Amino acid sequence: QVQLVESGGGLVQPGGSLRLSCAASGRTFSDYAMGWFRQAPGKEREFVAAISRFGSRTDYTDSMKGRAAISRDNAKNTLYLQMNSLKPEGTAVYYCAARYTGTYNGYNGAASYGYWGQGTQVTVSS
């Protein structure tokens, strides 16, 4: 199993930037493709971004393309999400998740991610 702990959330003004981190422990971090998801109050959880085991492939939800960058440092067992030009609709709890896989061929749904962190709150407000 892999354990995940997110950090870096907080209050940011519209148009601002934030970098989230997700520290992994347990099994070998590079065995897992990773993803970021978010859930706003009263809404369903939605996909934000995903990255392959060694970072060669990334995928983003359309609303975050050009404004977010997912990355990972396998030596540090850490996943990142850099978000820029944040909008109030970006207010949500952000979760990182791990998907044990041999080959990552793209995002294929949240159900394929078997391990989840507890989330970190991001609030975009003036």
Protein backbone atom coordinates (compact mmCIF):
# COMPACT_ATOMS: atom_id res chain seq x y z
CA GLN A 1 0.00 0.00 0.00
CA VAL A 2 0.94 3.63 -0.35
CA GLN A 3 0.00 6.40 2.09
CA LEU A 4 -0.58 9.92 0.80
CA VAL A 5 -0.54 13.24 2.64
CA GLU A 6 -1.39 16.50 0.88
CA SER A 7 -0.20 19.94 1.91
CA GLY A 8 0.06 23.45 0.55
CA GLY A 9 -3.58 24.46 0.50
CA GLY A 10 -4.81 27.76 1.81
CA LEU A 11 -6.48 31.03 0.96
CA VAL A 12 -5.43 32.72 -2.27
CA GLN A 13 -6.82 35.70 -4.14
CA PRO A 14 -8.31 35.32 -7.61
CA GLY A 15 -5.52 35.37 -10.14
CA GLY A 16 -3.04 34.08 -7.61
CA SER A 17 -0.93 30.93 -7.57
CA LEU A 18 -0.57 27.97 -5.28
CA ARG A 19 1.54 24.83 -5.26
CA LEU A 20 0.17 21.71 -3.66
CA SER A 21 2.35 18.83 -2.54
CA CYS A 22 1.55 15.20 -1.87
CA ALA A 23 4.03 13.16 0.16
CA ALA A 24 3.92 9.41 -0.40
CA SER A 25 5.15 6.65 1.84
CA GLY A 26 4.93 2.89 1.87
CA ARG A 27 5.51 1.12 -1.41
CA THR A 28 7.78 2.33 -4.20
CA PHE A 29 6.43 5.67 -5.38
CA SER A 30 7.42 5.11 -9.00
CA ASP A 31 5.19 2.03 -9.16
CA TYR A 32 2.21 4.38 -9.23
CA ALA A 33 0.73 6.77 -11.70
CA MET A 34 -0.59 9.75 -9.76
CA GLY A 35 -3.46 12.16 -10.02
CA TRP A 36 -5.02 15.25 -8.49
CA PHE A 37 -8.74 15.56 -7.97
CA ARG A 38 -10.93 18.15 -6.31
CA GLN A 39 -14.35 18.34 -4.73
CA ALA A 40 -16.20 21.59 -4.25
CA PRO A 41 -19.01 21.95 -1.72
CA GLY A 42 -22.17 20.32 -2.98
CA LYS A 43 -20.48 18.95 -6.08
CA GLU A 44 -19.05 15.65 -7.15
CA ARG A 45 -15.36 14.96 -7.13
CA GLU A 46 -13.71 15.86 -10.41
CA PHE A 47 -10.44 15.11 -12.14
CA VAL A 48 -7.81 17.82 -12.29
CA ALA A 49 -4.58 16.30 -13.59
CA ALA A 50 -2.65 13.04 -13.84
CA ILE A 51 0.93 12.00 -14.45
CA SER A 52 2.60 8.79 -15.48
CA ARG A 53 4.99 6.84 -13.27
CA PHE A 54 8.12 8.65 -14.42
CA GLY A 55 6.52 11.90 -15.52
CA SER A 56 6.71 11.39 -19.27
CA ARG A 57 2.98 11.87 -19.77
CA THR A 58 0.56 14.31 -18.18
CA ASP A 59 -3.16 14.82 -18.64
CA TYR A 60 -5.38 17.71 -17.55
CA THR A 61 -9.03 18.53 -17.34
CA ASP A 62 -9.90 21.12 -19.97
CA SER A 63 -10.60 23.88 -17.44
CA MET A 64 -7.06 23.65 -16.03
CA LYS A 65 -5.05 23.34 -19.23
CA GLY A 66 -2.54 26.15 -19.40
CA ARG A 67 -3.12 27.09 -15.77
CA ALA A 68 -1.87 24.01 -13.95
CA ALA A 69 1.23 21.84 -14.03
CA ILE A 70 1.47 18.43 -12.44
CA SER A 71 4.93 17.06 -11.68
CA ARG A 72 6.61 14.52 -9.49
CA ASP A 73 9.96 13.88 -7.87
CA ASN A 74 10.37 10.16 -7.44
CA ALA A 75 13.58 10.62 -5.44
CA LYS A 76 11.58 12.62 -2.89
CA ASN A 77 8.41 10.52 -3.14
CA THR A 78 6.45 13.67 -3.78
CA LEU A 79 3.79 14.78 -6.21
CA TYR A 80 3.12 18.45 -7.00
CA LEU A 81 0.39 20.55 -8.53
CA GLN A 82 1.26 24.11 -9.51
CA MET A 83 -1.86 26.18 -10.11
CA ASN A 84 -1.80 29.65 -11.61
CA SER A 85 -4.45 32.25 -12.45
CA LEU A 86 -6.75 30.69 -9.90
CA LYS A 87 -10.46 31.42 -10.09
CA PRO A 88 -13.10 31.37 -7.33
CA GLU A 89 -14.58 28.23 -8.87
CA GLY A 90 -11.32 26.54 -8.01
CA THR A 91 -12.33 26.55 -4.35
CA ALA A 92 -12.42 22.92 -3.29
CA VAL A 93 -10.74 20.21 -1.30
CA TYR A 94 -7.89 18.89 -3.42
CA TYR A 95 -6.94 15.24 -3.19
CA CYS A 96 -3.99 13.33 -4.53
CA ALA A 97 -4.46 9.72 -5.53
CA ALA A 98 -2.30 6.81 -6.63
CA ARG A 99 -2.95 4.22 -9.29
CA TYR A 100 -0.86 1.05 -9.26
CA THR A 101 -0.11 0.33 -12.89
CA GLY A 102 2.48 -1.11 -15.23
CA THR A 103 1.95 1.30 -18.10
CA TYR A 104 0.05 4.57 -17.94
CA ASN A 105 -1.87 5.18 -21.15
CA GLY A 106 -3.82 8.20 -20.03
CA TYR A 107 -6.47 9.13 -17.53
CA ASN A 108 -9.24 6.55 -17.45
CA GLY A 109 -11.38 7.50 -14.49
CA ALA A 110 -11.15 8.01 -10.76
CA ALA A 111 -12.13 4.42 -10.03
CA SER A 112 -8.72 3.23 -11.20
CA TYR A 113 -7.05 5.14 -8.36
CA GLY A 114 -6.99 2.91 -5.33
CA TYR A 115 -5.22 5.11 -2.80
CA TRP A 116 -6.25 8.57 -1.68
CA GLY A 117 -5.00 11.25 0.65
CA GLN A 118 -7.13 13.13 3.15
CA GLY A 119 -7.23 16.31 1.07
CA THR A 120 -6.14 19.90 1.46
CA GLN A 121 -8.48 22.89 1.29
CA VAL A 122 -7.95 25.53 -1.37
CA THR A 123 -10.03 28.68 -1.13
CA VAL A 124 -9.91 31.26 -3.90
CA SER A 125 -11.43 34.47 -2.65
CA SER A 126 -10.75 38.16 -2.30
